[in-house]
């Protein structure tokens, strides 16, 4: 149970740190040209804040998709079976006979 709590807390902390980074990067990327042009339009309205939040979520989603693809490829390439040999199933006729003998002995 501890690993689930710690994993959730760690994931939330990484997500919050990355979201703060990408939102700040988005503001820097899209508001710098407006500052250099000396526009009289207000910078950082509600519409721009929501767009920068969406920019951050989209960037994090892209990195998470890459990480999931890498994890799946790692499972496919390096996953080793627990057993080295296969255990074979008996033919159904033998299984049926064994079950029949068991119940015949139990009834006697």
PDB file of N, CA and C in Angstrom:
ATOM      1  N   UNK A   1       0.822  -1.196   0.000  1.00  0.00           N
ATOM      2  CA  UNK A   1       0.000   0.000   0.000  1.00  0.00           C
ATOM      3  C   UNK A   1       0.864   1.258   0.000  1.00  0.00           C
ATOM      4  N   UNK A   2       2.023   1.181   0.631  1.00  0.00           N
ATOM      5  CA  UNK A   2       2.884   2.359   0.678  1.00  0.00           C
ATOM      6  C   UNK A   2       3.334   2.758  -0.716  1.00  0.00           C
ATOM      7  N   UNK A   3       3.624   1.770  -1.566  1.00  0.00           N
ATOM      8  CA  UNK A   3       4.095   2.113  -2.905  1.00  0.00           C
ATOM      9  C   UNK A   3       3.013   2.835  -3.708  1.00  0.00           C
ATOM     10  N   UNK A   4       1.741   2.530  -3.449  1.00  0.00           N
ATOM     11  CA  UNK A   4       0.680   3.232  -4.160  1.00  0.00           C
ATOM     12  C   UNK A   4       0.579   4.679  -3.693  1.00  0.00           C
ATOM     13  N   UNK A   5       0.726   4.918  -2.411  1.00  0.00           N
ATOM     14  CA  UNK A   5       0.657   6.282  -1.883  1.00  0.00           C
ATOM     15  C   UNK A   5       1.872   7.088  -2.337  1.00  0.00           C
ATOM     16  N   UNK A   6       3.064   6.485  -2.183  1.00  0.00           N
ATOM     17  CA  UNK A   6       4.276   7.196  -2.587  1.00  0.00           C
ATOM     18  C   UNK A   6       4.312   7.422  -4.092  1.00  0.00           C
ATOM     19  N   UNK A   7       3.859   6.435  -4.866  1.00  0.00           N
ATOM     20  CA  UNK A   7       3.827   6.596  -6.321  1.00  0.00           C
ATOM     21  C   UNK A   7       2.890   7.719  -6.738  1.00  0.00           C
ATOM     22  N   UNK A   8       1.723   7.796  -6.097  1.00  0.00           N
ATOM     23  CA  UNK A   8       0.789   8.872  -6.409  1.00  0.00           C
ATOM     24  C   UNK A   8       1.328  10.243  -6.031  1.00  0.00           C
ATOM     25  N   UNK A   9       1.945  10.325  -4.864  1.00  0.00           N
ATOM     26  CA  UNK A   9       2.531  11.601  -4.428  1.00  0.00           C
ATOM     27  C   UNK A   9       3.685  12.018  -5.329  1.00  0.00           C
ATOM     28  N   UNK A  10       4.531  11.057  -5.676  1.00  0.00           N
ATOM     29  CA  UNK A  10       5.661  11.358  -6.544  1.00  0.00           C
ATOM     30  C   UNK A  10       5.177  11.769  -7.932  1.00  0.00           C
ATOM     31  N   UNK A  11       4.180  11.055  -8.470  1.00  0.00           N
ATOM     32  CA  UNK A  11       3.634  11.418  -9.771  1.00  0.00           C
ATOM     33  C   UNK A  11       2.994  12.791  -9.766  1.00  0.00           C
ATOM     34  N   UNK A  12       2.280  13.113  -8.694  1.00  0.00           N
ATOM     35  CA  UNK A  12       1.655  14.432  -8.579  1.00  0.00           C
ATOM     36  C   UNK A  12       2.700  15.535  -8.493  1.00  0.00           C
ATOM     37  N   UNK A  13       3.773  15.282  -7.750  1.00  0.00           N
ATOM     38  CA  UNK A  13       4.841  16.282  -7.624  1.00  0.00           C
ATOM     39  C   UNK A  13       5.534  16.507  -8.958  1.00  0.00           C
ATOM     40  N   UNK A  14       5.821  15.427  -9.681  1.00  0.00           N
ATOM     41  CA  UNK A  14       6.468  15.567 -11.000  1.00  0.00           C
ATOM     42  C   UNK A  14       5.539  16.302 -11.964  1.00  0.00           C
ATOM     43  N   UNK A  15       4.248  15.951 -11.943  1.00  0.00           N
ATOM     44  CA  UNK A  15       3.281  16.606 -12.826  1.00  0.00           C
ATOM     45  C   UNK A  15       3.175  18.099 -12.511  1.00  0.00           C
ATOM     46  N   UNK A  16       3.101  18.454 -11.231  1.00  0.00           N
ATOM     47  CA  UNK A  16       2.976  19.865 -10.851  1.00  0.00           C
ATOM     48  C   UNK A  16       4.218  20.650 -11.245  1.00  0.00           C
ATOM     49  N   UNK A  17       5.401  20.061 -11.036  1.00  0.00           N
ATOM     50  CA  UNK A  17       6.649  20.738 -11.404  1.00  0.00           C
ATOM     51  C   UNK A  17       6.728  20.936 -12.918  1.00  0.00           C
ATOM     52  N   UNK A  18       6.388  19.890 -13.682  1.00  0.00           N
ATOM     53  CA  UNK A  18       6.442  19.991 -15.145  1.00  0.00           C
ATOM     54  C   UNK A  18       5.399  20.974 -15.661  1.00  0.00           C
ATOM     55  N   UNK A  19       4.203  20.964 -15.073  1.00  0.00           N
ATOM     56  CA  UNK A  19       3.170  21.891 -15.524  1.00  0.00           C
ATOM     57  C   UNK A  19       3.579  23.332 -15.263  1.00  0.00           C
ATOM     58  N   UNK A  20       4.145  23.601 -14.096  1.00  0.00           N
ATOM     59  CA  UNK A  20       4.627  24.955 -13.814  1.00  0.00           C
ATOM     60  C   UNK A  20       5.716  25.376 -14.785  1.00  0.00           C
ATOM     61  N   UNK A  21       6.603  24.446 -15.117  1.00  0.00           N
ATOM     62  CA  UNK A  21       7.682  24.761 -16.061  1.00  0.00           C
ATOM     63  C   UNK A  21       7.139  25.066 -17.448  1.00  0.00           C
ATOM     64  N   UNK A  22       6.238  24.215 -17.947  1.00  0.00           N
ATOM     65  CA  UNK A  22       5.746  24.407 -19.304  1.00  0.00           C
ATOM     66  C   UNK A  22       4.795  25.593 -19.425  1.00  0.00           C
ATOM     67  N   UNK A  23       4.039  25.903 -18.381  1.00  0.00           N
ATOM     68  CA  UNK A  23       3.186  27.099 -18.427  1.00  0.00           C
ATOM     69  C   UNK A  23       4.056  28.358 -18.450  1.00  0.00           C
ATOM     70  N   UNK A  24       5.101  28.378 -17.619  1.00  0.00           N
ATOM     71  CA  UNK A  24       6.004  29.536 -17.631  1.00  0.00           C
ATOM     72  C   UNK A  24       6.729  29.648 -18.964  1.00  0.00           C
ATOM     73  N   UNK A  25       7.117  28.520 -19.528  1.00  0.00           N
ATOM     74  CA  UNK A  25       7.783  28.532 -20.831  1.00  0.00           C
ATOM     75  C   UNK A  25       6.844  29.057 -21.914  1.00  0.00           C
ATOM     76  N   UNK A  26       5.564  28.662 -21.837  1.00  0.00           N
ATOM     77  CA  UNK A  26       4.590  29.150 -22.805  1.00  0.00           C
ATOM     78  C   UNK A  26       4.386  30.657 -22.701  1.00  0.00           C
ATOM     79  N   UNK A  27       4.303  31.194 -21.459  1.00  0.00           N
ATOM     80  CA  UNK A  27       4.183  32.641 -21.297  1.00  0.00           C
ATOM     81  C   UNK A  27       5.393  33.352 -21.857  1.00  0.00           C
ATOM     82  N   UNK A  28       6.573  32.810 -21.592  1.00  0.00           N
ATOM     83  CA  UNK A  28       7.795  33.441 -22.097  1.00  0.00           C
ATOM     84  C   UNK A  28       7.832  33.408 -23.620  1.00  0.00           C
ATOM     85  N   UNK A  29       7.413  32.302 -24.191  1.00  0.00           N
ATOM     86  CA  UNK A  29       7.485  32.128 -25.639  1.00  0.00           C
ATOM     87  C   UNK A  29       6.499  33.033 -26.374  1.00  0.00           C
ATOM     88  N   UNK A  30       5.298  33.186 -25.837  1.00  0.00           N
ATOM     89  CA  UNK A  30       4.266  33.903 -26.564  1.00  0.00           C
ATOM     90  C   UNK A  30       4.059  35.340 -26.113  1.00  0.00           C
ATOM     91  N   UNK A  31       4.605  35.771 -24.986  1.00  0.00           N
ATOM     92  CA  UNK A  31       4.422  37.160 -24.573  1.00  0.00           C
ATOM     93  C   UNK A  31       5.653  38.024 -24.834  1.00  0.00           C
ATOM     94  N   UNK A  32       6.814  37.425 -25.037  1.00  0.00           N
ATOM     95  CA  UNK A  32       8.023  38.216 -25.312  1.00  0.00           C
ATOM     96  C   UNK A  32       7.895  39.074 -26.562  1.00  0.00           C
ATOM     97  N   UNK A  33       7.399  38.540 -27.694  1.00  0.00           N
ATOM     98  CA  UNK A  33       7.270  39.414 -28.870  1.00  0.00           C
ATOM     99  C   UNK A  33       6.349  40.604 -28.619  1.00  0.00           C
ATOM    100  N   UNK A  34       5.294  40.406 -27.831  1.00  0.00           N
ATOM    101  CA  UNK A  34       4.379  41.519 -27.547  1.00  0.00           C
ATOM    102  C   UNK A  34       5.075  42.579 -26.691  1.00  0.00           C
ATOM    103  N   UNK A  35       5.948  42.164 -25.793  1.00  0.00           N
ATOM    104  CA  UNK A  35       6.671  43.133 -24.976  1.00  0.00           C
ATOM    105  C   UNK A  35       7.659  43.939 -25.808  1.00  0.00           C
ATOM    106  N   UNK A  36       8.295  43.298 -26.763  1.00  0.00           N
ATOM    107  CA  UNK A  36       9.263  43.997 -27.604  1.00  0.00           C
ATOM    108  C   UNK A  36       8.592  44.943 -28.578  1.00  0.00           C
ATOM    109  N   UNK A  37       7.347  44.678 -28.959  1.00  0.00           N
ATOM    110  CA  UNK A  37       6.642  45.529 -29.907  1.00  0.00           C
ATOM    111  C   UNK A  37       5.989  46.733 -29.234  1.00  0.00           C
ATOM    112  N   UNK A  38       5.970  46.771 -27.914  1.00  0.00           N
ATOM    113  CA  UNK A  38       5.373  47.870 -27.137  1.00  0.00           C
ATOM    114  C   UNK A  38       3.907  48.075 -27.492  1.00  0.00           C
ATOM    115  N   UNK A  39       3.189  46.983 -27.566  1.00  0.00           N
ATOM    116  CA  UNK A  39       1.752  47.079 -27.821  1.00  0.00           C
ATOM    117  C   UNK A  39       1.055  47.608 -26.582  1.00  0.00           C
ATOM    118  N   UNK A  40      -0.056  48.276 -26.812  1.00  0.00           N
ATOM    119  CA  UNK A  40      -0.840  48.766 -25.684  1.00  0.00           C
ATOM    120  C   UNK A  40      -1.895  47.741 -25.263  1.00  0.00           C
ATOM    121  N   UNK A  41      -1.932  46.598 -25.917  1.00  0.00           N
ATOM    122  CA  UNK A  41      -2.927  45.588 -25.552  1.00  0.00           C
ATOM    123  C   UNK A  41      -2.487  44.898 -24.266  1.00  0.00           C
ATOM    124  N   UNK A  42      -3.436  44.560 -23.422  1.00  0.00           N
ATOM    125  CA  UNK A  42      -3.065  43.893 -22.167  1.00  0.00           C
ATOM    126  C   UNK A  42      -2.552  42.472 -22.435  1.00  0.00           C
ATOM    127  N   UNK A  43      -1.529  42.113 -21.700  1.00  0.00           N
ATOM    128  CA  UNK A  43      -0.938  40.776 -21.834  1.00  0.00           C
ATOM    129  C   UNK A  43      -1.346  39.960 -20.616  1.00  0.00           C
ATOM    130  N   UNK A  44      -1.755  38.745 -20.845  1.00  0.00           N
ATOM    131  CA  UNK A  44      -2.073  37.852 -19.727  1.00  0.00           C
ATOM    132  C   UNK A  44      -3.523  37.875 -19.328  1.00  0.00           C
ATOM    133  N   UNK A  45      -4.414  38.043 -20.292  1.00  0.00           N
ATOM    134  CA  UNK A  45      -5.833  37.971 -19.983  1.00  0.00           C
ATOM    135  C   UNK A  45      -6.255  36.541 -19.676  1.00  0.00           C
ATOM    136  N   UNK A  46      -7.541  36.375 -19.381  1.00  0.00           N
ATOM    137  CA  UNK A  46      -8.039  35.045 -19.034  1.00  0.00           C
ATOM    138  C   UNK A  46      -7.873  34.061 -20.182  1.00  0.00           C
ATOM    139  N   UNK A  47      -8.086  34.529 -21.391  1.00  0.00           N
ATOM    140  CA  UNK A  47      -7.959  33.649 -22.545  1.00  0.00           C
ATOM    141  C   UNK A  47      -6.522  33.159 -22.705  1.00  0.00           C
ATOM    142  N   UNK A  48      -5.568  34.049 -22.493  1.00  0.00           N
ATOM    143  CA  UNK A  48      -4.171  33.668 -22.651  1.00  0.00           C
ATOM    144  C   UNK A  48      -3.733  32.714 -21.540  1.00  0.00           C
ATOM    145  N   UNK A  49      -4.231  32.916 -20.333  1.00  0.00           N
ATOM    146  CA  UNK A  49      -3.875  32.022 -19.224  1.00  0.00           C
ATOM    147  C   UNK A  49      -4.382  30.608 -19.499  1.00  0.00           C
ATOM    148  N   UNK A  50      -5.609  30.495 -19.985  1.00  0.00           N
ATOM    149  CA  UNK A  50      -6.129  29.153 -20.282  1.00  0.00           C
ATOM    150  C   UNK A  50      -5.379  28.529 -21.448  1.00  0.00           C
ATOM    151  N   UNK A  51      -4.975  29.333 -22.433  1.00  0.00           N
ATOM    152  CA  UNK A  51      -4.198  28.786 -23.541  1.00  0.00           C
ATOM    153  C   UNK A  51      -2.829  28.298 -23.075  1.00  0.00           C
ATOM    154  N   UNK A  52      -2.190  28.998 -22.159  1.00  0.00           N
ATOM    155  CA  UNK A  52      -0.884  28.571 -21.662  1.00  0.00           C
ATOM    156  C   UNK A  52      -1.014  27.316 -20.801  1.00  0.00           C
ATOM    157  N   UNK A  53      -2.122  27.210 -20.069  1.00  0.00           N
ATOM    158  CA  UNK A  53      -2.366  25.991 -19.298  1.00  0.00           C
ATOM    159  C   UNK A  53      -2.555  24.798 -20.231  1.00  0.00           C
ATOM    160  N   UNK A  54      -3.303  24.999 -21.310  1.00  0.00           N
ATOM    161  CA  UNK A  54      -3.481  23.935 -22.290  1.00  0.00           C
ATOM    162  C   UNK A  54      -2.174  23.597 -22.987  1.00  0.00           C
ATOM    163  N   UNK A  55      -1.336  24.585 -23.222  1.00  0.00           N
ATOM    164  CA  UNK A  55      -0.012  24.350 -23.812  1.00  0.00           C
ATOM    165  C   UNK A  55       0.818  23.452 -22.895  1.00  0.00           C
ATOM    166  N   UNK A  56       0.778  23.704 -21.600  1.00  0.00           N
ATOM    167  CA  UNK A  56       1.521  22.888 -20.646  1.00  0.00           C
ATOM    168  C   UNK A  56       0.990  21.469 -20.562  1.00  0.00           C
ATOM    169  N   UNK A  57      -0.329  21.320 -20.529  1.00  0.00           N
ATOM    170  CA  UNK A  57      -0.929  19.986 -20.462  1.00  0.00           C
ATOM    171  C   UNK A  57      -0.589  19.190 -21.722  1.00  0.00           C
ATOM    172  N   UNK A  58      -0.630  19.852 -22.871  1.00  0.00           N
ATOM    173  CA  UNK A  58      -0.321  19.173 -24.129  1.00  0.00           C
ATOM    174  C   UNK A  58       1.132  18.726 -24.167  1.00  0.00           C
ATOM    175  N   UNK A  59       2.043  19.546 -23.681  1.00  0.00           N
ATOM    176  CA  UNK A  59       3.458  19.174 -23.659  1.00  0.00           C
ATOM    177  C   UNK A  59       3.704  17.995 -22.723  1.00  0.00           C
ATOM    178  N   UNK A  60       3.086  18.020 -21.548  1.00  0.00           N
ATOM    179  CA  UNK A  60       3.254  16.903 -20.598  1.00  0.00           C
ATOM    180  C   UNK A  60       2.640  15.634 -21.167  1.00  0.00           C
ATOM    181  N   UNK A  61       1.496  15.737 -21.806  1.00  0.00           N
ATOM    182  CA  UNK A  61       0.852  14.566 -22.403  1.00  0.00           C
ATOM    183  C   UNK A  61       1.746  13.944 -23.469  1.00  0.00           C
ATOM    184  N   UNK A  62       2.420  14.767 -24.257  1.00  0.00           N
ATOM    185  CA  UNK A  62       3.339  14.254 -25.276  1.00  0.00           C
ATOM    186  C   UNK A  62       4.493  13.486 -24.658  1.00  0.00           C
ATOM    187  N   UNK A  63       5.091  14.042 -23.590  1.00  0.00           N
ATOM    188  CA  UNK A  63       6.198  13.340 -22.932  1.00  0.00           C
ATOM    189  C   UNK A  63       5.739  12.046 -22.267  1.00  0.00           C
ATOM    190  N   UNK A  64       4.537  12.054 -21.702  1.00  0.00           N
ATOM    191  CA  UNK A  64       4.004  10.838 -21.079  1.00  0.00           C
ATOM    192  C   UNK A  64       3.752   9.766 -22.143  1.00  0.00           C
ATOM    193  N   UNK A  65       3.264  10.158 -23.310  1.00  0.00           N
ATOM    194  CA  UNK A  65       3.062   9.182 -24.388  1.00  0.00           C
ATOM    195  C   UNK A  65       4.388   8.559 -24.814  1.00  0.00           C
ATOM    196  N   UNK A  66       5.439   9.381 -24.947  1.00  0.00           N
ATOM    197  CA  UNK A  66       6.761   8.840 -25.291  1.00  0.00           C
ATOM    198  C   UNK A  66       7.257   7.881 -24.214  1.00  0.00           C
ATOM    199  N   UNK A  67       7.069   8.230 -22.945  1.00  0.00           N
ATOM    200  CA  UNK A  67       7.516   7.362 -21.855  1.00  0.00           C
ATOM    201  C   UNK A  67       6.747   6.044 -21.856  1.00  0.00           C
ATOM    202  N   UNK A  68       5.446   6.088 -22.131  1.00  0.00           N
ATOM    203  CA  UNK A  68       4.649   4.852 -22.173  1.00  0.00           C
ATOM    204  C   UNK A  68       5.070   3.960 -23.332  1.00  0.00           C
ATOM    205  N   UNK A  69       5.346   4.554 -24.479  1.00  0.00           N
ATOM    206  CA  UNK A  69       5.817   3.763 -25.620  1.00  0.00           C
ATOM    207  C   UNK A  69       7.154   3.121 -25.296  1.00  0.00           C
ATOM    208  N   UNK A  70       8.066   3.864 -24.660  1.00  0.00           N
ATOM    209  CA  UNK A  70       9.358   3.300 -24.275  1.00  0.00           C
ATOM    210  C   UNK A  70       9.193   2.176 -23.262  1.00  0.00           C
ATOM    211  N   UNK A  71       8.277   2.334 -22.324  1.00  0.00           N
ATOM    212  CA  UNK A  71       8.033   1.286 -21.328  1.00  0.00           C
ATOM    213  C   UNK A  71       7.467   0.019 -21.976  1.00  0.00           C
ATOM    214  N   UNK A  72       6.521   0.187 -22.890  1.00  0.00           N
ATOM    215  CA  UNK A  72       5.951  -0.964 -23.582  1.00  0.00           C
ATOM    216  C   UNK A  72       7.009  -1.664 -24.423  1.00  0.00           C
ATOM    217  N   UNK A  73       7.836  -0.898 -25.134  1.00  0.00           N
ATOM    218  CA  UNK A  73       8.910  -1.510 -25.913  1.00  0.00           C
ATOM    219  C   UNK A  73       9.887  -2.248 -25.000  1.00  0.00           C
ATOM    220  N   UNK A  74      10.182  -1.683 -23.841  1.00  0.00           N
ATOM    221  CA  UNK A  74      11.051  -2.364 -22.888  1.00  0.00           C
ATOM    222  C   UNK A  74      10.460  -3.671 -22.415  1.00  0.00           C
ATOM    223  N   UNK A  75       9.148  -3.691 -22.151  1.00  0.00           N
ATOM    224  CA  UNK A  75       8.490  -4.939 -21.757  1.00  0.00           C
ATOM    225  C   UNK A  75       8.557  -5.971 -22.880  1.00  0.00           C
ATOM    226  N   UNK A  76       8.330  -5.522 -24.108  1.00  0.00           N
ATOM    227  CA  UNK A  76       8.357  -6.459 -25.228  1.00  0.00           C
ATOM    228  C   UNK A  76       9.759  -7.004 -25.490  1.00  0.00           C
ATOM    229  N   UNK A  77      10.755  -6.161 -25.338  1.00  0.00           N
ATOM    230  CA  UNK A  77      12.111  -6.588 -25.674  1.00  0.00           C
ATOM    231  C   UNK A  77      12.799  -7.369 -24.562  1.00  0.00           C
ATOM    232  N   UNK A  78      12.578  -6.984 -23.319  1.00  0.00           N
ATOM    233  CA  UNK A  78      13.364  -7.539 -22.230  1.00  0.00           C
ATOM    234  C   UNK A  78      12.558  -8.360 -21.226  1.00  0.00           C
ATOM    235  N   UNK A  79      11.315  -8.656 -21.537  1.00  0.00           N
ATOM    236  CA  UNK A  79      10.495  -9.429 -20.616  1.00  0.00           C
ATOM    237  C   UNK A  79      10.880 -10.895 -20.709  1.00  0.00           C
ATOM    238  N   UNK A  80      11.312 -11.474 -19.607  1.00  0.00           N
ATOM    239  CA  UNK A  80      11.675 -12.891 -19.607  1.00  0.00           C
ATOM    240  C   UNK A  80      10.602 -13.670 -18.851  1.00  0.00           C
ATOM    241  N   UNK A  81      10.306 -14.857 -19.295  1.00  0.00           N
ATOM    242  CA  UNK A  81       9.269 -15.642 -18.599  1.00  0.00           C
ATOM    243  C   UNK A  81       9.746 -16.094 -17.225  1.00  0.00           C
ATOM    244  N   UNK A  82       8.804 -16.359 -16.353  1.00  0.00           N
ATOM    245  CA  UNK A  82       9.149 -16.811 -15.012  1.00  0.00           C
ATOM    246  C   UNK A  82       9.683 -18.231 -15.068  1.00  0.00           C
ATOM    247  N   UNK A  83       9.064 -19.062 -15.888  1.00  0.00           N
ATOM    248  CA  UNK A  83       9.519 -20.444 -16.034  1.00  0.00           C
ATOM    249  C   UNK A  83      10.371 -20.571 -17.282  1.00  0.00           C
ATOM    250  N   UNK A  84      11.345 -21.437 -17.210  1.00  0.00           N
ATOM    251  CA  UNK A  84      12.197 -21.675 -18.374  1.00  0.00           C
ATOM    252  C   UNK A  84      11.605 -22.716 -19.318  1.00  0.00           C
ATOM    253  N   UNK A  85      10.715 -23.566 -18.823  1.00  0.00           N
ATOM    254  CA  UNK A  85      10.105 -24.587 -19.657  1.00  0.00           C
ATOM    255  C   UNK A  85       8.588 -24.533 -19.494  1.00  0.00           C
ATOM    256  N   UNK A  86       7.905 -25.007 -20.488  1.00  0.00           N
ATOM    257  CA  UNK A  86       6.447 -25.012 -20.441  1.00  0.00           C
ATOM    258  C   UNK A  86       5.964 -26.228 -19.687  1.00  0.00           C
ATOM    259  N   UNK A  87       4.904 -26.068 -18.958  1.00  0.00           N
ATOM    260  CA  UNK A  87       4.265 -27.221 -18.340  1.00  0.00           C
ATOM    261  C   UNK A  87       3.093 -27.609 -19.238  1.00  0.00           C
ATOM    262  N   UNK A  88       3.041 -28.872 -19.605  1.00  0.00           N
ATOM    263  CA  UNK A  88       2.035 -29.328 -20.548  1.00  0.00           C
ATOM    264  C   UNK A  88       0.792 -29.826 -19.819  1.00  0.00           C
ATOM    265  N   UNK A  89      -0.330 -29.573 -20.428  1.00  0.00           N
ATOM    266  CA  UNK A  89      -1.602 -30.005 -19.883  1.00  0.00           C
ATOM    267  C   UNK A  89      -1.853 -31.448 -20.301  1.00  0.00           C
ATOM    268  N   UNK A  90      -2.362 -32.247 -19.385  1.00  0.00           N
ATOM    269  CA  UNK A  90      -2.703 -33.625 -19.711  1.00  0.00           C
ATOM    270  C   UNK A  90      -3.879 -33.659 -20.681  1.00  0.00           C
ATOM    271  N   UNK A  91      -3.991 -34.714 -21.469  1.00  0.00           N
ATOM    272  CA  UNK A  91      -5.177 -34.829 -22.338  1.00  0.00           C
ATOM    273  C   UNK A  91      -6.446 -34.891 -21.481  1.00  0.00           C
ATOM    274  N   UNK A  92      -7.535 -34.377 -22.028  1.00  0.00           N
ATOM    275  CA  UNK A  92      -8.777 -34.275 -21.263  1.00  0.00           C
ATOM    276  C   UNK A  92      -9.320 -35.645 -20.856  1.00  0.00           C
ATOM    277  N   UNK A  93      -9.037 -36.647 -21.657  1.00  0.00           N
ATOM    278  CA  UNK A  93      -9.510 -37.986 -21.323  1.00  0.00           C
ATOM    279  C   UNK A  93      -8.873 -38.461 -20.015  1.00  0.00           C
ATOM    280  N   UNK A  94      -7.578 -38.238 -19.848  1.00  0.00           N
ATOM    281  CA  UNK A  94      -6.897 -38.649 -18.620  1.00  0.00           C
ATOM    282  C   UNK A  94      -7.363 -37.829 -17.412  1.00  0.00           C
ATOM    283  N   UNK A  95      -7.605 -36.546 -17.649  1.00  0.00           N
ATOM    284  CA  UNK A  95      -8.103 -35.696 -16.561  1.00  0.00           C
ATOM    285  C   UNK A  95      -9.473 -36.178 -16.118  1.00  0.00           C
ATOM    286  N   UNK A  96     -10.331 -36.493 -17.081  1.00  0.00           N
ATOM    287  CA  UNK A  96     -11.667 -36.985 -16.757  1.00  0.00           C
ATOM    288  C   UNK A  96     -11.633 -38.295 -15.992  1.00  0.00           C
ATOM    289  N   UNK A  97     -10.746 -39.197 -16.404  1.00  0.00           N
ATOM    290  CA  UNK A  97     -10.631 -40.482 -15.698  1.00  0.00           C
ATOM    291  C   UNK A  97     -10.132 -40.285 -14.266  1.00  0.00           C
ATOM    292  N   UNK A  98      -9.183 -39.352 -14.081  1.00  0.00           N
ATOM    293  CA  UNK A  98      -8.670 -39.102 -12.732  1.00  0.00           C
ATOM    294  C   UNK A  98      -9.750 -38.517 -11.834  1.00  0.00           C
ATOM    295  N   UNK A  99     -10.544 -37.616 -12.369  1.00  0.00           N
ATOM    296  CA  UNK A  99     -11.635 -37.026 -11.578  1.00  0.00           C
ATOM    297  C   UNK A  99     -12.674 -38.086 -11.245  1.00  0.00           C
ATOM    298  N   UNK A 100     -12.980 -38.959 -12.223  1.00  0.00           N
ATOM    299  CA  UNK A 100     -13.957 -40.029 -11.999  1.00  0.00           C
ATOM    300  C   UNK A 100     -13.473 -40.991 -10.911  1.00  0.00           C
ATOM    301  N   UNK A 101     -12.186 -41.361 -10.943  1.00  0.00           N
ATOM    302  CA  UNK A 101     -11.626 -42.240  -9.910  1.00  0.00           C
ATOM    303  C   UNK A 101     -11.682 -41.578  -8.540  1.00  0.00           C
ATOM    304  N   UNK A 102     -11.400 -40.266  -8.496  1.00  0.00           N
ATOM    305  CA  UNK A 102     -11.419 -39.555  -7.218  1.00  0.00           C
ATOM    306  C   UNK A 102     -12.804 -39.605  -6.598  1.00  0.00           C
ATOM    307  N   UNK A 103     -13.826 -39.329  -7.396  1.00  0.00           N
ATOM    308  CA  UNK A 103     -15.184 -39.316  -6.847  1.00  0.00           C
ATOM    309  C   UNK A 103     -15.681 -40.731  -6.545  1.00  0.00           C
ATOM    310  N   UNK A 104     -15.216 -41.738  -7.280  1.00  0.00           N
ATOM    311  CA  UNK A 104     -15.601 -43.121  -6.968  1.00  0.00           C
ATOM    312  C   UNK A 104     -14.995 -43.549  -5.647  1.00  0.00           C
ATOM    313  N   UNK A 105     -13.747 -43.163  -5.391  1.00  0.00           N
ATOM    314  CA  UNK A 105     -13.113 -43.512  -4.120  1.00  0.00           C
ATOM    315  C   UNK A 105     -13.771 -42.780  -2.962  1.00  0.00           C
ATOM    316  N   UNK A 106     -14.218 -41.570  -3.210  1.00  0.00           N
ATOM    317  CA  UNK A 106     -14.826 -40.756  -2.153  1.00  0.00           C
ATOM    318  C   UNK A 106     -16.195 -41.325  -1.756  1.00  0.00           C
ATOM    319  N   UNK A 107     -16.912 -41.885  -2.728  1.00  0.00           N
ATOM    320  CA  UNK A 107     -18.238 -42.427  -2.452  1.00  0.00           C
ATOM    321  C   UNK A 107     -18.157 -43.747  -1.680  1.00  0.00           C
ATOM    322  N   UNK A 108     -17.095 -44.504  -1.837  1.00  0.00           N
ATOM    323  CA  UNK A 108     -16.983 -45.815  -1.175  1.00  0.00           C
ATOM    324  C   UNK A 108     -16.651 -45.741   0.262  1.00  0.00           C
TER     325      UNK A 108
END
